[in-house]
Amino acid sequence: MPLDRIVVRGAREHNLKDVDVTIPRDKLVVITGISGSGKSSLAFDTIYAEGQRRYVESLSAYARQFLGQMEKPDVDHIEGLSPAISIDQKTGSRNPRSTVGTVTEIYDYLRLLFARVGRPHCPTCGKPISRQTVQQMADHILTLPPGSRVMLLAPVVKDRKGEHAQALEDARGAGFVRARVDGVVRSLDEEITLAKTKRHTIDVVVDRVILPAGDDTEARRALAGRLAESVEQSLTLGGGMLRVAEIPSEEGADTREDLVFSEALACPDDMTAFGEIEPRNFSFNSPHGACPSCTGLGLRMEVDPALVIPDRSKSIAQGAIAPWQRATTNGSWYFKILRGVLEAMGDGVDTPVAELPREILDVVLHGTREPVTITYVNHRGRRRSYQTEYEGVINNLARRHKETDSEWMRGEIERYMAAVPCPACNGKRLKPQSLSVLVDGRNIVAVTELSVSAAQAWAERLAADDSPLNERDRLIGAQIVKEIRNRLTFLVDVGLDYLTLDRAAATLAGGEAQRIRLATQIGSSLMGVLYVCDEPSIGLHPLDDARLIGTLKRLRNLGNTVLIVEHDEAMMRAADHI
């Protein structure tokens, strides 16, 4: 069996007529010819199909049952085949969750980068959030100016209504003698009565200290141990939060703003909490990171008034409301309630929609809380009326779309709906906490909104000597940033530097999808594989041919055989064998 070539004998697939061919292995080989000469039949339907079939047959019977039986191509025999991968011009995934970033695995590395070196910020106020140890808090307090008089406070009530008698009693029972109530330090021995209807903030005074002079080493060492114990006690009582407040030298004197510390990732101002930051928190395919409103799609289906009333020259009696067209006959419930609504507002069902006042049309579409009088004639010919509520056409369709178990009905209603950006996440797909983790001042969505070339420049900035990352983060993120840079470079080399990483895979042209798969394969660094490509230069500007050829040669240099169906002259001149 030859180790340096692929030998095909007697290929008769489609319009091939007993073709014999020998192809060198580990080379860049181009198959060219006129249309209909059998290029694709040889490359894809014979060589690739047989390589794929043999690989599947090497798997266990259990694995093969999920892959199905593959037909043997019409060929006498093929020798020297490797496992084959086809990179053709079919369009990318139709999954609405697939993007350029996810297909190329760049987004996976970005998630890892943001989980390891990202800096969380409060999604409400935008302030940085950090986790600190007891020793770090004590050391920070010791950096305050010598002679400062401070008290360590444990927040037990934060801006809540009530009398909070139990919180005060618990503090008194635990042996504490002071508490700061609504900014005023008061003795717990006195009776403290709070207004039940007003918001209050209560901080228990755990300790009061005076910071010694900087040259008094002995006093500072003694205070450090005491501070560590008081900080730990404050954190236990305050649920992981600690406030350090300056004691004014005299009543009414100005003091510095409180220092706030937290041993958890939580905003000290509004108590917005962060869990442990993990890569899954940045995945819009995971409930841990996806926006709960749109489940990570970034879009929501909403009823479109333009689709509900496509022809405004018609009246409601003429069927202007498309989803109710068959229901707005004289005897239907929908017609009766619409007539009651319009008559109550001084109009009628025979008025063209275009001539209806805006406030009336808003009521027709969105409903009204006012009771509507419905008039009807019963089976005895008597005129009767009753009052009911009217929810509006749009609210009616939205409710039925949500409640129905019928796929047919859901599909019918979706004819009058359009995809709009999710109002909760503004189309960003992720939870507010995930969007508040920043690297170099950008969240992960802001990075994916960059073009490939701009994202490459951003990654290069992270890896540069003057990187915005500190030394620790650079050490942690070095390998991750390297992988991101490599994959972005592969996309630039195949002429896709204009794409954005959040571009939906379903919107890519066939040539773009093919070159993305080509760049992904280079990133996988596989060896000993047969790659079969179908005109990868299609749709590419001639000036970018050199970069594409360089990419294919890099794939070859990894130890793979690259077989290309191609008409491009530059590609043929660069081939090792034609």
Protein backbone atom coordinates (compact mmCIF):
# COMPACT_ATOMS: atom_id res chain seq x y z
CA MET A 1 0.00 0.00 0.00
CA PRO A 2 1.55 3.38 -1.00
CA LEU A 3 2.37 5.79 1.82
CA ASP A 4 3.18 8.79 -0.35
CA ARG A 5 0.21 8.88 -2.72
CA ILE A 6 -3.53 8.27 -3.09
CA VAL A 7 -4.27 5.82 -5.93
CA VAL A 8 -7.74 5.74 -7.52
CA ARG A 9 -8.61 2.98 -9.97
CA GLY A 10 -11.79 2.62 -12.04
CA ALA A 11 -13.82 5.58 -10.76
CA ARG A 12 -17.30 5.53 -12.36
CA GLU A 13 -19.31 7.79 -10.06
CA HIS A 14 -21.80 10.00 -11.98
CA ASN A 15 -20.18 11.02 -15.29
CA LEU A 16 -16.73 9.57 -14.58
CA LYS A 17 -15.73 6.84 -17.07
CA ASP A 18 -13.27 4.37 -15.48
CA VAL A 19 -10.96 7.15 -14.33
CA ASP A 20 -7.53 6.20 -12.93
CA VAL A 21 -5.60 8.89 -11.06
CA THR A 22 -2.66 9.15 -8.67
CA ILE A 23 -2.54 12.05 -6.17
CA PRO A 24 0.54 12.79 -4.02
CA ARG A 25 -0.06 12.87 -0.26
CA ASP A 26 0.82 15.81 2.02
CA LYS A 27 0.68 18.19 -0.95
CA LEU A 28 -1.52 21.04 -2.18
CA VAL A 29 -3.33 19.48 -5.15
CA VAL A 30 -5.74 21.28 -7.51
CA ILE A 31 -8.35 19.47 -9.62
CA THR A 32 -9.42 21.68 -12.52
CA GLY A 33 -11.30 21.31 -15.79
CA ILE A 34 -14.32 22.46 -17.72
CA SER A 35 -17.79 22.39 -16.20
CA GLY A 36 -19.28 18.89 -16.27
CA SER A 37 -15.91 17.18 -16.57
CA GLY A 38 -16.39 15.37 -13.22
CA LYS A 39 -14.17 17.42 -10.89
CA SER A 40 -16.60 17.32 -7.97
CA SER A 41 -17.57 13.73 -8.73
CA LEU A 42 -13.93 12.69 -8.33
CA ALA A 43 -13.06 14.90 -5.35
CA PHE A 44 -16.26 14.74 -3.28
CA ASP A 45 -18.39 11.84 -4.47
CA THR A 46 -15.50 9.39 -4.84
CA ILE A 47 -12.37 10.26 -2.82
CA TYR A 48 -14.05 12.11 0.10
CA ALA A 49 -17.03 9.74 0.24
CA GLU A 50 -14.79 6.65 0.41
CA GLY A 51 -12.49 8.22 3.01
CA GLN A 52 -15.49 9.13 5.15
CA ARG A 53 -17.07 5.66 4.72
CA ARG A 54 -13.89 3.86 5.77
CA TYR A 55 -13.50 6.06 8.83
CA VAL A 56 -17.10 5.37 9.92
CA GLU A 57 -16.62 1.63 9.38
CA SER A 58 -13.63 1.73 11.75
CA LEU A 59 -15.93 2.81 14.59
CA SER A 60 -17.75 0.43 16.90
CA ALA A 61 -21.11 -1.02 15.92
CA TYR A 62 -22.71 1.04 18.70
CA ALA A 63 -21.35 4.30 17.26
CA ARG A 64 -22.22 3.36 13.67
CA GLN A 65 -25.91 2.93 14.49
CA PHE A 66 -26.17 6.69 15.09
CA LEU A 67 -24.35 7.62 11.87
CA GLY A 68 -26.27 5.45 9.43
CA GLN A 69 -25.05 3.29 6.57
CA MET A 70 -22.86 5.08 3.99
CA GLU A 71 -22.98 3.99 0.33
CA LYS A 72 -19.76 2.80 -1.27
CA PRO A 73 -18.88 4.96 -4.31
CA ASP A 74 -18.72 3.31 -7.73
CA VAL A 75 -14.96 2.70 -7.89
CA ASP A 76 -12.79 -0.40 -8.23
CA HIS A 77 -10.44 0.52 -5.40
CA ILE A 78 -8.69 3.44 -3.66
CA GLU A 79 -5.41 3.16 -1.78
CA GLY A 80 -3.59 5.54 0.56
CA LEU A 81 -6.70 7.28 1.94
CA SER A 82 -6.73 9.24 5.20
CA PRO A 83 -9.75 10.32 7.26
CA ALA A 84 -11.40 13.01 5.10
CA ILE A 85 -12.96 16.36 5.92
CA SER A 86 -15.08 18.20 3.36
CA ILE A 87 -15.04 22.00 3.26
CA ASP A 88 -17.64 22.84 0.63
CA GLN A 89 -19.76 25.88 -0.24
CA LYS A 90 -22.88 24.99 1.67
CA THR A 91 -24.23 27.75 3.86
CA GLY A 92 -23.54 27.76 7.58
CA SER A 93 -25.71 26.58 10.44
CA ARG A 94 -29.36 27.64 10.46
CA ASN A 95 -29.31 27.65 14.25
CA PRO A 96 -30.18 31.25 15.31
CA ARG A 97 -27.71 30.92 18.18
CA SER A 98 -24.70 30.22 15.93
CA THR A 99 -22.41 33.18 15.22
CA VAL A 100 -19.02 33.68 13.61
CA GLY A 101 -17.54 33.72 17.12
CA THR A 102 -19.12 30.42 18.20
CA VAL A 103 -18.39 28.58 14.92
CA THR A 104 -14.68 29.51 15.05
CA GLU A 105 -14.48 28.85 18.84
CA ILE A 106 -13.23 32.42 19.37
CA TYR A 107 -16.23 33.10 21.60
CA ASP A 108 -15.34 30.10 23.78
CA TYR A 109 -11.90 31.59 24.43
CA LEU A 110 -13.43 35.04 25.05
CA ARG A 111 -15.73 33.51 27.68
CA LEU A 112 -12.73 31.94 29.37
CA LEU A 113 -10.78 35.21 29.21
CA PHE A 114 -13.58 37.28 30.76
CA ALA A 115 -14.15 34.66 33.49
CA ARG A 116 -10.47 34.67 34.48
CA VAL A 117 -9.33 38.29 34.14
CA GLY A 118 -12.58 40.27 33.81
CA ARG A 119 -13.36 42.99 36.32
CA PRO A 120 -16.98 42.92 37.59
CA HIS A 121 -18.88 46.19 37.90
CA CYS A 122 -22.27 46.92 39.41
CA PRO A 123 -24.89 46.76 36.61
CA THR A 124 -26.89 49.49 38.39
CA CYS A 125 -24.36 52.13 39.41
CA GLY A 126 -21.33 51.03 37.36
CA LYS A 127 -18.90 50.99 40.29
CA PRO A 128 -16.15 48.31 40.33
CA ILE A 129 -16.83 45.32 42.55
CA SER A 130 -14.04 43.33 44.18
CA ARG A 131 -13.68 40.54 46.71
CA GLN A 132 -11.25 41.15 49.58
CA THR A 133 -9.84 39.01 52.39
CA VAL A 134 -9.94 40.00 56.05
CA GLN A 135 -6.21 40.72 55.99
CA GLN A 136 -6.51 42.95 52.91
CA MET A 137 -9.28 44.96 54.59
CA ALA A 138 -7.24 45.37 57.79
CA ASP A 139 -4.16 46.44 55.81
CA HIS A 140 -6.22 48.98 53.88
CA ILE A 141 -7.55 50.51 57.11
CA LEU A 142 -3.98 50.86 58.37
CA THR A 143 -3.13 53.01 55.34
CA LEU A 144 -5.44 55.78 56.61
CA PRO A 145 -3.69 58.95 57.88
CA PRO A 146 -2.05 58.59 61.34
CA GLY A 147 -4.23 59.90 64.12
CA SER A 148 -7.48 59.11 62.26
CA ARG A 149 -10.31 58.09 64.59
CA VAL A 150 -12.50 55.49 62.88
CA MET A 151 -15.21 53.05 63.78
CA LEU A 152 -15.88 49.67 62.23
CA LEU A 153 -19.55 49.20 61.37
CA ALA A 154 -21.55 46.09 60.55
CA PRO A 155 -24.56 46.98 58.33
CA VAL A 156 -27.61 45.06 59.57
CA VAL A 157 -30.40 47.12 57.94
CA LYS A 158 -30.00 48.80 54.57
CA ASP A 159 -32.59 51.39 53.55
CA ARG A 160 -35.66 49.35 54.62
CA LYS A 161 -38.99 50.40 56.06
CA GLY A 162 -40.00 49.25 59.55
CA GLU A 163 -39.33 49.74 63.24
CA HIS A 164 -36.47 47.16 63.23
CA ALA A 165 -36.81 46.61 66.98
CA GLN A 166 -35.59 43.00 66.65
CA ALA A 167 -32.36 44.04 64.86
CA LEU A 168 -31.59 46.52 67.64
CA GLU A 169 -32.44 43.97 70.34
CA ASP A 170 -30.18 41.34 68.72
CA ALA A 171 -27.27 43.82 68.66
CA ARG A 172 -27.90 44.72 72.29
CA GLY A 173 -28.05 41.04 73.25
CA ALA A 174 -24.76 40.33 71.45
CA GLY A 175 -23.00 42.80 73.76
CA PHE A 176 -22.68 45.80 71.46
CA VAL A 177 -23.25 49.22 73.02
CA ARG A 178 -23.60 51.56 70.03
CA ALA A 179 -25.26 51.66 66.64
CA ARG A 180 -25.40 54.24 63.89
CA VAL A 181 -29.06 54.79 63.08
CA ASP A 182 -29.79 56.85 59.95
CA GLY A 183 -26.31 58.41 60.16
CA VAL A 184 -26.44 59.25 63.91
CA VAL A 185 -24.47 57.21 66.47
CA ARG A 186 -26.76 56.28 69.37
CA SER A 187 -26.37 54.20 72.52
CA LEU A 188 -28.21 50.89 72.51
CA ASP A 189 -29.04 51.43 76.18
CA GLU A 190 -31.51 54.15 75.26
CA GLU A 191 -34.92 53.44 73.79
CA ILE A 192 -34.76 53.81 70.01
CA THR A 193 -38.12 54.20 68.28
CA LEU A 194 -38.23 54.31 64.50
CA ALA A 195 -41.09 55.36 62.23
CA LYS A 196 -42.59 52.25 60.68
CA THR A 197 -43.46 53.94 57.37
CA LYS A 198 -40.00 55.39 56.69
CA ARG A 199 -36.81 53.81 55.36
CA HIS A 200 -33.98 53.32 57.84
CA THR A 201 -30.33 52.24 57.80
CA ILE A 202 -28.76 50.68 60.90
CA ASP A 203 -25.04 49.93 61.33
CA VAL A 204 -23.80 48.27 64.52
CA VAL A 205 -20.57 49.79 65.91
CA VAL A 206 -18.23 46.82 66.37
CA ASP A 207 -15.03 48.68 67.29
CA ARG A 208 -13.54 52.19 67.50
CA VAL A 209 -9.82 52.76 66.98
CA ILE A 210 -7.25 55.54 66.64
CA LEU A 211 -4.55 54.89 64.04
CA PRO A 212 -1.04 55.34 65.48
CA ALA A 213 1.77 57.29 63.85
CA GLY A 214 3.59 55.67 60.96
CA ASP A 215 6.87 55.29 62.86
CA ASP A 216 5.25 53.60 65.85
CA THR A 217 5.87 50.05 64.63
CA GLU A 218 4.95 48.33 67.89
CA ALA A 219 1.59 50.09 68.18
CA ARG A 220 0.72 49.39 64.54
CA ARG A 221 1.57 45.69 64.94
CA ALA A 222 -0.67 45.44 67.98
CA LEU A 223 -3.48 47.28 66.22
CA ALA A 224 -3.22 45.03 63.14
CA GLY A 225 -4.20 41.97 65.18
CA ARG A 226 -7.08 43.81 66.83
CA LEU A 227 -8.31 45.13 63.47
CA ALA A 228 -8.27 41.64 61.93
CA GLU A 229 -10.50 40.32 64.75
CA SER A 230 -12.87 43.31 64.54
CA VAL A 231 -13.09 43.11 60.73
CA GLU A 232 -13.94 39.41 60.91
CA GLN A 233 -16.59 40.04 63.55
CA SER A 234 -18.08 42.90 61.49
CA LEU A 235 -18.25 40.72 58.38
CA THR A 236 -20.00 37.95 60.28
CA LEU A 237 -22.58 40.33 61.74
CA GLY A 238 -22.99 42.35 58.53
CA GLY A 239 -23.45 39.42 56.17
CA GLY A 240 -20.06 39.86 54.52
CA MET A 241 -20.17 43.68 54.44
CA LEU A 242 -18.09 46.17 56.45
CA ARG A 243 -18.16 49.96 56.68
CA VAL A 244 -15.35 52.07 58.09
CA ALA A 245 -16.51 55.56 59.13
CA GLU A 246 -14.44 58.45 60.43
CA ILE A 247 -15.34 59.75 63.89
CA PRO A 248 -15.59 63.57 63.69
CA SER A 249 -13.16 65.46 65.91
CA GLU A 250 -16.00 67.69 67.02
CA GLU A 251 -19.76 67.70 66.53
CA GLY A 252 -20.79 68.91 63.07
CA ALA A 253 -17.29 68.63 61.57
CA ASP A 254 -16.93 67.28 58.03
CA THR A 255 -15.82 63.65 57.68
CA ARG A 256 -14.59 61.50 54.85
CA GLU A 257 -16.99 59.25 52.99
CA ASP A 258 -17.36 55.76 54.46
CA LEU A 259 -15.05 53.04 53.19
CA VAL A 260 -17.03 49.96 52.17
CA PHE A 261 -15.57 46.44 52.04
CA SER A 262 -17.10 43.16 50.93
CA GLU A 263 -15.82 39.59 51.15
CA ALA A 264 -18.23 38.61 48.36
CA LEU A 265 -18.72 40.00 44.88
CA ALA A 266 -21.51 42.39 45.76
CA CYS A 267 -22.04 46.09 45.20
CA PRO A 268 -21.63 47.88 48.54
CA ASP A 269 -24.22 50.51 47.56
CA ASP A 270 -27.21 48.63 46.21
CA MET A 271 -26.18 45.10 47.34
CA THR A 272 -26.34 43.68 43.80
CA ALA A 273 -24.68 40.28 44.23
CA PHE A 274 -22.40 38.37 41.86
CA GLY A 275 -21.87 34.64 42.09
CA GLU A 276 -18.60 32.98 41.21
CA ILE A 277 -17.69 34.20 37.71
CA GLU A 278 -17.37 31.24 35.35
CA PRO A 279 -17.23 30.85 31.54
CA ARG A 280 -20.84 29.66 31.50
CA ASN A 281 -21.93 33.09 32.80
CA PHE A 282 -21.03 34.51 29.37
CA SER A 283 -22.81 31.86 27.30
CA PHE A 284 -26.13 32.85 25.73
CA ASN A 285 -26.82 29.12 25.32
CA SER A 286 -26.76 28.55 29.09
CA PRO A 287 -29.39 29.63 31.63
CA HIS A 288 -26.52 30.88 33.81
CA GLY A 289 -25.69 33.61 31.29
CA ALA A 290 -28.61 33.99 28.89
CA CYS A 291 -31.06 36.86 29.24
CA PRO A 292 -34.12 35.28 30.90
CA SER A 293 -36.52 37.35 28.81
CA CYS A 294 -35.36 36.18 25.35
CA THR A 295 -33.48 33.01 26.50
CA GLY A 296 -30.31 34.24 24.83
CA LEU A 297 -31.68 34.85 21.33
CA GLY A 298 -31.50 38.64 21.61
CA LEU A 299 -34.84 38.84 19.79
CA ARG A 300 -38.47 38.51 20.73
CA MET A 301 -41.46 37.78 18.56
CA GLU A 302 -44.00 40.59 18.91
CA VAL A 303 -47.22 41.33 17.07
CA ASP A 304 -46.58 43.89 14.31
CA PRO A 305 -49.45 46.39 13.76
CA ALA A 306 -48.43 46.76 10.10
CA LEU A 307 -49.01 43.02 9.57
CA VAL A 308 -52.23 43.03 11.58
CA ILE A 309 -53.72 45.80 9.37
CA PRO A 310 -51.91 45.53 6.01
CA ASP A 311 -54.49 47.57 4.05
CA ARG A 312 -55.67 50.66 5.89
CA SER A 313 -58.02 51.70 3.12
CA LYS A 314 -60.43 48.96 4.23
CA SER A 315 -62.90 49.28 7.07
CA ILE A 316 -63.20 46.75 9.88
CA ALA A 317 -66.44 45.52 8.34
CA GLN A 318 -64.51 44.85 5.11
CA GLY A 319 -61.90 42.74 6.95
CA ALA A 320 -59.16 45.29 7.61
CA ILE A 321 -57.92 43.28 10.63
CA ALA A 322 -56.17 40.42 8.85
CA PRO A 323 -56.00 37.82 11.68
CA TRP A 324 -59.70 38.38 12.43
CA GLN A 325 -60.73 38.63 8.78
CA ARG A 326 -62.82 35.48 8.84
CA ALA A 327 -64.21 36.34 12.26
CA THR A 328 -65.42 39.89 11.56
CA THR A 329 -68.74 38.92 10.04
CA ASN A 330 -71.96 40.44 11.33
CA GLY A 331 -72.73 37.53 13.66
CA SER A 332 -69.29 36.88 15.16
CA TRP A 333 -68.24 37.78 18.68
CA TYR A 334 -65.18 39.72 17.43
CA PHE A 335 -67.35 41.85 15.14
CA LYS A 336 -69.83 42.60 17.92
CA ILE A 337 -67.17 43.68 20.40
CA LEU A 338 -65.36 45.82 17.79
CA ARG A 339 -68.63 47.48 16.88
CA GLY A 340 -69.33 48.14 20.55
CA VAL A 341 -65.87 49.69 21.03
CA LEU A 342 -66.17 51.95 18.00
CA GLU A 343 -69.71 53.03 18.75
CA ALA A 344 -68.75 53.86 22.35
CA MET A 345 -66.03 56.13 20.97
CA GLY A 346 -68.32 57.82 18.43
CA ASP A 347 -67.35 55.92 15.26
CA GLY A 348 -68.39 52.82 13.36
CA VAL A 349 -67.12 49.61 11.74
CA ASP A 350 -67.73 51.01 8.23
CA THR A 351 -65.12 53.79 8.56
CA PRO A 352 -61.84 53.03 6.72
CA VAL A 353 -59.03 52.40 9.19
CA ALA A 354 -56.97 55.21 7.63
CA GLU A 355 -59.69 57.68 8.63
CA LEU A 356 -60.02 56.50 12.23
CA PRO A 357 -58.60 58.91 14.84
CA ARG A 358 -55.35 57.69 16.40
CA GLU A 359 -56.80 57.26 19.88
CA ILE A 360 -59.58 55.03 18.52
CA LEU A 361 -57.12 52.91 16.52
CA ASP A 362 -54.94 52.54 19.64
CA VAL A 363 -57.93 51.17 21.54
CA VAL A 364 -58.74 48.73 18.70
CA LEU A 365 -55.16 47.42 18.69
CA HIS A 366 -54.24 47.58 22.38
CA GLY A 367 -57.60 47.36 24.17
CA THR A 368 -59.20 49.41 26.93
CA ARG A 369 -59.88 48.98 30.63
CA GLU A 370 -63.29 50.60 30.27
CA PRO A 371 -66.22 48.13 30.02
CA VAL A 372 -67.60 47.72 26.50
CA THR A 373 -71.32 47.26 25.80
CA ILE A 374 -72.06 44.38 23.40
CA THR A 375 -75.46 44.39 21.66
CA TYR A 376 -76.90 41.28 19.99
CA VAL A 377 -80.20 39.76 18.83
CA ASN A 378 -81.07 36.42 20.42
CA HIS A 379 -82.86 33.47 18.75
CA ARG A 380 -86.27 34.98 19.61
CA GLY A 381 -85.43 38.19 17.78
CA ARG A 382 -85.06 40.21 20.96
CA ARG A 383 -82.28 42.77 21.28
CA ARG A 384 -80.03 42.21 24.28
CA SER A 385 -76.86 43.83 25.57
CA TYR A 386 -74.20 43.16 28.19
CA GLN A 387 -70.84 44.61 29.27
CA THR A 388 -67.44 42.99 28.92
CA GLU A 389 -63.76 43.89 28.72
CA TYR A 390 -61.88 44.32 25.44
CA GLU A 391 -58.18 43.29 25.43
CA GLY A 392 -57.30 44.53 21.93
CA VAL A 393 -56.17 42.72 18.79
CA ILE A 394 -52.44 42.76 19.64
CA ASN A 395 -52.91 41.61 23.24
CA ASN A 396 -55.32 38.91 22.08
CA LEU A 397 -52.84 37.50 19.55
CA ALA A 398 -49.93 37.67 22.02
CA ARG A 399 -51.93 35.85 24.70
CA ARG A 400 -53.11 33.11 22.34
CA HIS A 401 -49.57 32.66 20.97
CA LYS A 402 -48.28 32.14 24.51
CA GLU A 403 -51.08 29.90 25.77
CA THR A 404 -51.82 27.65 22.78
CA ASP A 405 -50.54 24.08 22.61
CA SER A 406 -51.24 23.89 18.87
CA GLU A 407 -48.19 24.28 16.62
CA TRP A 408 -50.52 25.11 13.73
CA MET A 409 -52.18 27.92 15.68
CA ARG A 410 -48.81 29.25 16.83
CA GLY A 411 -47.64 29.28 13.22
CA GLU A 412 -50.79 31.11 12.10
CA ILE A 413 -50.33 33.82 14.72
CA GLU A 414 -46.61 34.18 13.89
CA ARG A 415 -47.64 35.35 10.39
CA TYR A 416 -48.57 38.62 12.11
CA MET A 417 -45.47 38.84 14.31
CA ALA A 418 -41.99 40.24 13.71
CA ALA A 419 -38.67 39.70 15.46
CA VAL A 420 -37.61 42.79 17.43
CA PRO A 421 -34.62 43.31 19.76
CA CYS A 422 -35.33 42.05 23.26
CA PRO A 423 -36.26 45.10 25.41
CA ALA A 424 -34.71 43.53 28.52
CA CYS A 425 -31.17 43.07 27.14
CA ASN A 426 -31.42 45.36 24.06
CA GLY A 427 -30.40 42.47 21.83
CA LYS A 428 -27.22 41.73 23.85
CA ARG A 429 -28.41 38.19 24.73
CA LEU A 430 -26.81 38.12 28.21
CA LYS A 431 -27.84 38.94 31.77
CA PRO A 432 -26.95 42.39 33.18
CA GLN A 433 -24.35 40.85 35.54
CA SER A 434 -22.56 39.18 32.61
CA LEU A 435 -22.54 42.44 30.65
CA SER A 436 -21.01 44.24 33.63
CA VAL A 437 -17.76 42.24 33.58
CA LEU A 438 -15.15 44.27 31.68
CA VAL A 439 -11.72 43.64 30.16
CA ASP A 440 -9.92 46.79 29.04
CA GLY A 441 -13.15 48.75 29.48
CA ARG A 442 -15.24 46.48 27.18
CA ASN A 443 -17.76 43.80 27.99
CA ILE A 444 -17.83 40.58 26.00
CA VAL A 445 -20.67 41.73 23.72
CA ALA A 446 -18.79 44.94 22.85
CA VAL A 447 -15.84 42.78 21.75
CA THR A 448 -18.03 40.54 19.56
CA GLU A 449 -19.53 43.64 17.92
CA LEU A 450 -16.06 44.50 16.60
CA SER A 451 -14.98 43.43 13.13
CA VAL A 452 -12.41 40.64 12.95
CA SER A 453 -9.63 43.13 12.15
CA ALA A 454 -10.65 45.44 15.05
CA ALA A 455 -10.90 42.48 17.44
CA GLN A 456 -7.43 41.40 16.32
CA ALA A 457 -6.07 44.87 17.19
CA TRP A 458 -7.78 44.65 20.61
CA ALA A 459 -6.22 41.23 21.29
CA GLU A 460 -2.81 42.53 20.20
CA ARG A 461 -3.22 45.40 22.67
CA LEU A 462 -3.84 42.92 25.50
CA ALA A 463 -0.65 41.03 24.60
CA ALA A 464 1.55 44.13 24.14
CA ASP A 465 4.20 45.31 26.60
CA ASP A 466 2.00 48.27 27.57
CA SER A 467 -1.04 45.99 28.05
CA PRO A 468 -3.89 47.42 30.16
CA LEU A 469 -3.86 44.14 32.11
CA ASN A 470 -1.83 43.96 35.31
CA GLU A 471 1.02 41.48 35.68
CA ARG A 472 -1.13 38.82 37.34
CA ASP A 473 -3.87 39.01 34.72
CA ARG A 474 -1.33 38.96 31.87
CA LEU A 475 0.15 35.76 33.28
CA ILE A 476 -3.28 34.12 33.66
CA GLY A 477 -4.59 35.26 30.27
CA ALA A 478 -1.42 34.85 28.16
CA GLN A 479 -2.32 31.48 26.63
CA ILE A 480 -5.98 32.42 26.18
CA VAL A 481 -5.10 35.68 24.38
CA LYS A 482 -2.63 33.77 22.20
CA GLU A 483 -5.36 31.38 21.01
CA ILE A 484 -7.73 34.29 20.32
CA ARG A 485 -5.05 36.12 18.31
CA ASN A 486 -4.24 32.99 16.29
CA ARG A 487 -7.85 32.34 15.32
CA LEU A 488 -8.47 35.97 14.43
CA THR A 489 -5.32 35.91 12.28
CA PHE A 490 -6.62 32.82 10.46
CA LEU A 491 -9.87 34.68 9.65
CA VAL A 492 -7.91 37.69 8.37
CA ASP A 493 -5.75 35.40 6.23
CA VAL A 494 -8.80 33.92 4.47
CA GLY A 495 -10.14 37.40 3.67
CA LEU A 496 -12.88 37.64 6.31
CA ASP A 497 -11.50 40.61 8.26
CA TYR A 498 -14.70 42.60 7.59
CA LEU A 499 -17.04 40.20 9.43
CA THR A 500 -18.11 40.90 13.01
CA LEU A 501 -17.86 38.12 15.59
CA ASP A 502 -21.57 38.42 16.45
CA ARG A 503 -22.65 37.95 12.81
CA ALA A 504 -25.27 35.19 12.63
CA ALA A 505 -23.91 32.08 10.89
CA ALA A 506 -27.18 31.70 8.96
CA THR A 507 -26.57 35.03 7.16
CA LEU A 508 -23.17 34.04 5.74
CA ALA A 509 -22.75 33.41 2.02
CA GLY A 510 -21.56 29.98 0.90
CA GLY A 511 -18.02 31.19 0.21
CA GLU A 512 -17.81 32.97 3.59
CA ALA A 513 -19.04 29.90 5.46
CA GLN A 514 -16.51 27.72 3.62
CA ARG A 515 -13.58 29.98 4.48
CA ILE A 516 -14.70 30.15 8.12
CA ARG A 517 -14.64 26.34 8.29
CA LEU A 518 -11.22 26.45 6.64
CA ALA A 519 -9.91 28.86 9.30
CA THR A 520 -11.44 26.67 12.03
CA GLN A 521 -9.65 23.59 10.70
CA ILE A 522 -6.32 25.41 10.76
CA GLY A 523 -7.00 26.33 14.38
CA SER A 524 -7.66 22.68 15.24
CA SER A 525 -4.05 21.77 14.16
CA LEU A 526 -5.00 18.27 12.95
CA MET A 527 -2.37 16.19 11.12
CA GLY A 528 -2.64 13.38 8.60
CA VAL A 529 -6.07 14.44 7.33
CA LEU A 530 -7.36 14.69 3.75
CA TYR A 531 -9.08 18.07 3.24
CA VAL A 532 -11.34 18.43 0.19
CA CYS A 533 -12.26 22.03 -0.68
CA ASP A 534 -14.71 23.33 -3.30
CA GLU A 535 -13.50 26.58 -4.93
CA PRO A 536 -12.44 28.38 -1.71
CA SER A 537 -11.50 31.51 -3.71
CA ILE A 538 -15.08 32.14 -4.85
CA GLY A 539 -16.31 35.59 -3.82
CA LEU A 540 -12.79 36.60 -2.76
CA HIS A 541 -11.12 39.73 -4.13
CA PRO A 542 -8.05 38.82 -6.27
CA LEU A 543 -5.87 40.92 -3.96
CA ASP A 544 -6.70 38.50 -1.12
CA ASP A 545 -5.74 35.36 -3.09
CA ALA A 546 -2.20 35.38 -1.69
CA ARG A 547 -3.46 35.27 1.91
CA LEU A 548 -5.85 32.40 1.11
CA ILE A 549 -3.10 30.45 -0.63
CA GLY A 550 -0.82 31.02 2.35
CA THR A 551 -3.56 29.62 4.61
CA LEU A 552 -3.96 26.48 2.48
CA LYS A 553 -0.20 25.98 2.45
CA ARG A 554 -0.16 26.28 6.24
CA LEU A 555 -2.79 23.54 6.38
CA ARG A 556 -0.57 21.42 4.11
CA ASN A 557 2.53 22.12 6.18
CA LEU A 558 0.82 20.68 9.25
CA GLY A 559 1.10 17.30 7.51
CA ASN A 560 -2.22 17.16 5.65
CA THR A 561 -3.25 16.50 2.05
CA VAL A 562 -5.23 19.44 0.63
CA LEU A 563 -7.34 18.62 -2.44
CA ILE A 564 -9.01 21.61 -4.09
CA VAL A 565 -11.56 21.88 -6.92
CA GLU A 566 -10.62 25.24 -8.42
CA HIS A 567 -10.57 27.41 -11.58
CA ASP A 568 -8.51 30.30 -10.21
CA GLU A 569 -5.19 30.75 -12.03
CA ALA A 570 -3.29 31.98 -8.95
CA MET A 571 -4.43 28.93 -7.00
CA MET A 572 -3.36 26.58 -9.80
CA ARG A 573 0.08 28.22 -10.05
CA ALA A 574 0.56 27.81 -6.29
CA ALA A 575 -0.37 24.10 -6.33
CA ASP A 576 2.21 21.36 -5.83
CA HIS A 577 0.31 19.13 -8.26
CA ILE A 578 -2.51 19.63 -10.78
